[in-house]
Protein backbone atom coordinates (compact mmCIF):
# COMPACT_ATOMS: atom_id res chain seq x y z
CA LYS A 1 -16.95 29.03 -5.95
CA VAL A 2 -15.92 26.97 -9.02
CA VAL A 3 -15.62 29.32 -12.01
CA ALA A 4 -14.85 26.60 -14.43
CA GLN A 5 -14.87 23.02 -15.43
CA GLN A 6 -13.23 21.45 -18.23
CA THR A 7 -11.61 17.98 -19.17
CA GLY A 8 -7.43 17.35 -19.76
CA ASP A 9 -8.81 14.38 -21.12
CA PHE A 10 -6.53 12.12 -18.48
CA ASP A 11 -3.40 13.35 -20.03
CA ARG A 12 -0.47 16.01 -19.27
CA SER A 13 -0.51 18.16 -21.85
CA LYS A 14 -3.94 18.86 -22.48
CA GLY A 15 -4.12 19.44 -18.44
CA GLN A 16 -2.16 22.37 -19.03
CA GLN A 17 -3.66 23.60 -22.01
CA VAL A 18 -6.76 24.01 -20.18
CA ALA A 19 -5.26 25.14 -17.11
CA GLU A 20 -3.80 27.89 -19.20
CA GLN A 21 -6.99 29.01 -20.80
CA LEU A 22 -8.51 28.88 -17.42
CA LEU A 23 -5.66 30.83 -15.96
CA GLN A 24 -6.22 33.40 -19.35
CA SER A 25 -10.26 33.87 -18.19
CA ASN A 26 -10.21 33.83 -14.62
CA PRO A 27 -6.72 35.36 -13.66
CA ASP A 28 -7.46 35.33 -9.87
CA ILE A 29 -7.97 31.91 -9.72
CA ASP A 30 -6.87 30.46 -6.75
CA ALA A 31 -7.26 26.91 -6.61
CA ILE A 32 -7.06 23.88 -9.14
CA TYR A 33 -8.63 20.22 -8.57
CA ALA A 34 -7.97 17.44 -11.02
CA GLU A 35 -9.26 14.04 -11.12
CA ASN A 36 -5.50 12.81 -11.77
CA ASP A 37 -2.39 13.82 -11.32
CA GLU A 38 -1.46 14.05 -15.15
CA MET A 39 -3.53 16.72 -15.36
CA GLY A 40 -2.24 18.31 -12.34
CA LEU A 41 0.73 18.35 -13.20
CA GLY A 42 0.11 19.77 -16.26
CA ALA A 43 -2.24 22.51 -14.24
CA MET A 44 1.10 23.04 -12.46
CA GLN A 45 3.36 23.95 -15.31
CA ALA A 46 0.29 26.21 -16.72
CA VAL A 47 0.54 27.67 -13.60
CA LEU A 48 4.60 28.65 -13.60
CA SER A 49 4.24 29.58 -17.36
CA ALA A 50 1.25 32.22 -16.07
CA GLY A 51 4.11 33.80 -13.86
CA LYS A 52 2.77 32.22 -10.57
CA GLN A 53 3.78 29.81 -7.58
CA PRO A 54 2.39 26.36 -7.97
CA GLY A 55 1.11 25.42 -4.28
CA LYS A 56 1.40 28.64 -3.27
CA ASP A 57 -0.52 31.30 -5.71
CA VAL A 58 -3.03 28.66 -6.94
CA LYS A 59 -3.12 25.22 -4.55
CA ILE A 60 -3.73 21.59 -6.63
CA VAL A 61 -4.77 18.64 -5.78
CA SER A 62 -5.14 15.85 -7.63
CA ILE A 63 -5.70 12.10 -7.38
CA ASP A 64 -3.36 9.29 -8.26
CA GLY A 65 -0.29 8.81 -6.15
CA THR A 66 2.00 9.13 -8.78
CA ARG A 67 5.75 9.67 -8.00
CA ASN A 68 5.74 12.71 -9.73
CA ALA A 69 3.21 14.25 -7.83
CA VAL A 70 3.93 13.46 -4.51
CA GLN A 71 7.54 15.27 -5.30
CA ALA A 72 5.77 18.25 -6.46
CA LEU A 73 4.37 18.02 -3.51
CA ALA A 74 7.31 17.52 -1.41
CA ASP A 75 9.33 20.50 -3.54
CA GLY A 76 6.11 23.19 -2.04
CA GLN A 77 4.48 23.19 -5.89
CA TYR A 78 1.33 21.03 -5.01
CA ASN A 79 -1.26 21.20 -1.62
CA ALA A 80 -2.33 17.45 -1.99
CA VAL A 81 -2.43 13.82 -3.34
CA ILE A 82 -5.12 11.49 -2.88
CA GLU A 83 -3.90 7.82 -3.78
CA SER A 84 -6.14 5.73 -6.04
CA ASN A 85 -4.29 2.38 -5.11
CA PRO A 86 -3.41 0.18 -8.40
CA ARG A 87 -1.58 -2.09 -6.05
CA PHE A 88 -4.86 -4.24 -5.51
CA GLY A 89 -3.76 -7.21 -7.95
CA PRO A 90 -2.25 -9.52 -4.99
CA LEU A 91 -5.60 -9.15 -2.85
CA ALA A 92 -7.67 -9.63 -5.97
CA PHE A 93 -5.97 -12.96 -7.54
CA LYS A 94 -5.67 -14.27 -3.58
CA THR A 95 -9.91 -13.47 -3.13
CA LEU A 96 -10.04 -15.06 -6.37
CA THR A 97 -8.03 -18.33 -5.33
CA ASP A 98 -10.19 -18.55 -2.55
CA PHE A 99 -13.33 -17.99 -4.24
CA TYR A 100 -12.60 -20.90 -6.36
CA ALA A 101 -11.37 -22.84 -3.32
CA GLY A 102 -14.72 -22.89 -1.77
CA GLN A 103 -13.65 -20.69 0.57
CA GLU A 104 -16.28 -17.68 1.93
CA ILE A 105 -15.48 -13.83 1.06
CA PRO A 106 -16.16 -11.31 2.81
CA GLU A 107 -19.22 -9.08 1.11
CA ASP A 108 -17.14 -6.05 1.19
CA ILE A 109 -13.40 -5.83 0.32
CA ILE A 110 -11.94 -1.93 1.41
CA ILE A 111 -8.84 -1.58 -0.87
CA GLN A 112 -7.02 0.61 1.33
CA ASP A 113 -5.81 3.93 -0.16
CA SER A 114 -2.85 6.91 1.57
CA GLU A 115 -3.28 10.73 1.10
CA TYR A 116 -0.14 12.87 0.83
CA ASP A 117 0.60 16.60 2.04
CA GLN A 118 2.97 18.90 2.45
CA ASP A 119 3.81 17.04 5.20
CA ASN A 120 4.05 13.70 4.65
CA ALA A 121 4.66 13.60 1.14
CA GLU A 122 8.60 12.78 1.07
CA LYS A 123 8.66 10.86 4.15
CA ASN A 124 6.02 8.96 2.02
CA LEU A 125 7.57 9.61 -1.20
CA GLY A 126 8.88 5.88 -1.60
CA ASN A 127 4.84 4.27 -1.61
CA ALA A 128 4.06 6.49 -4.37
CA PHE A 129 4.14 4.81 -7.80
């Protein structure tokens, strides 16, 4: 059940402020979803400040795949990170080069993202950006 929704402006400190307010007005909350890792990491700090255990008392999931969030996951203070892979530059450049060279370009070019959870975070930490 969604009890509140508010932007943290994709900023860690703003994410922390929003999560602090959320936890004060909804002390029984058991999960936080953040649209990016910075807001999720801010929420993790808010959970700690509220005297709760992030990753256990309050589950935290976010999107990006940054090293700090994946490390928090490996440390047991986070629950999942869905990667939004920023490393598509070489693929985009190759596609553009092929296009200008007159080569046929596939209609769909799929960028591969990963997901990190408590089972694979430590092993895959080196893949995080």
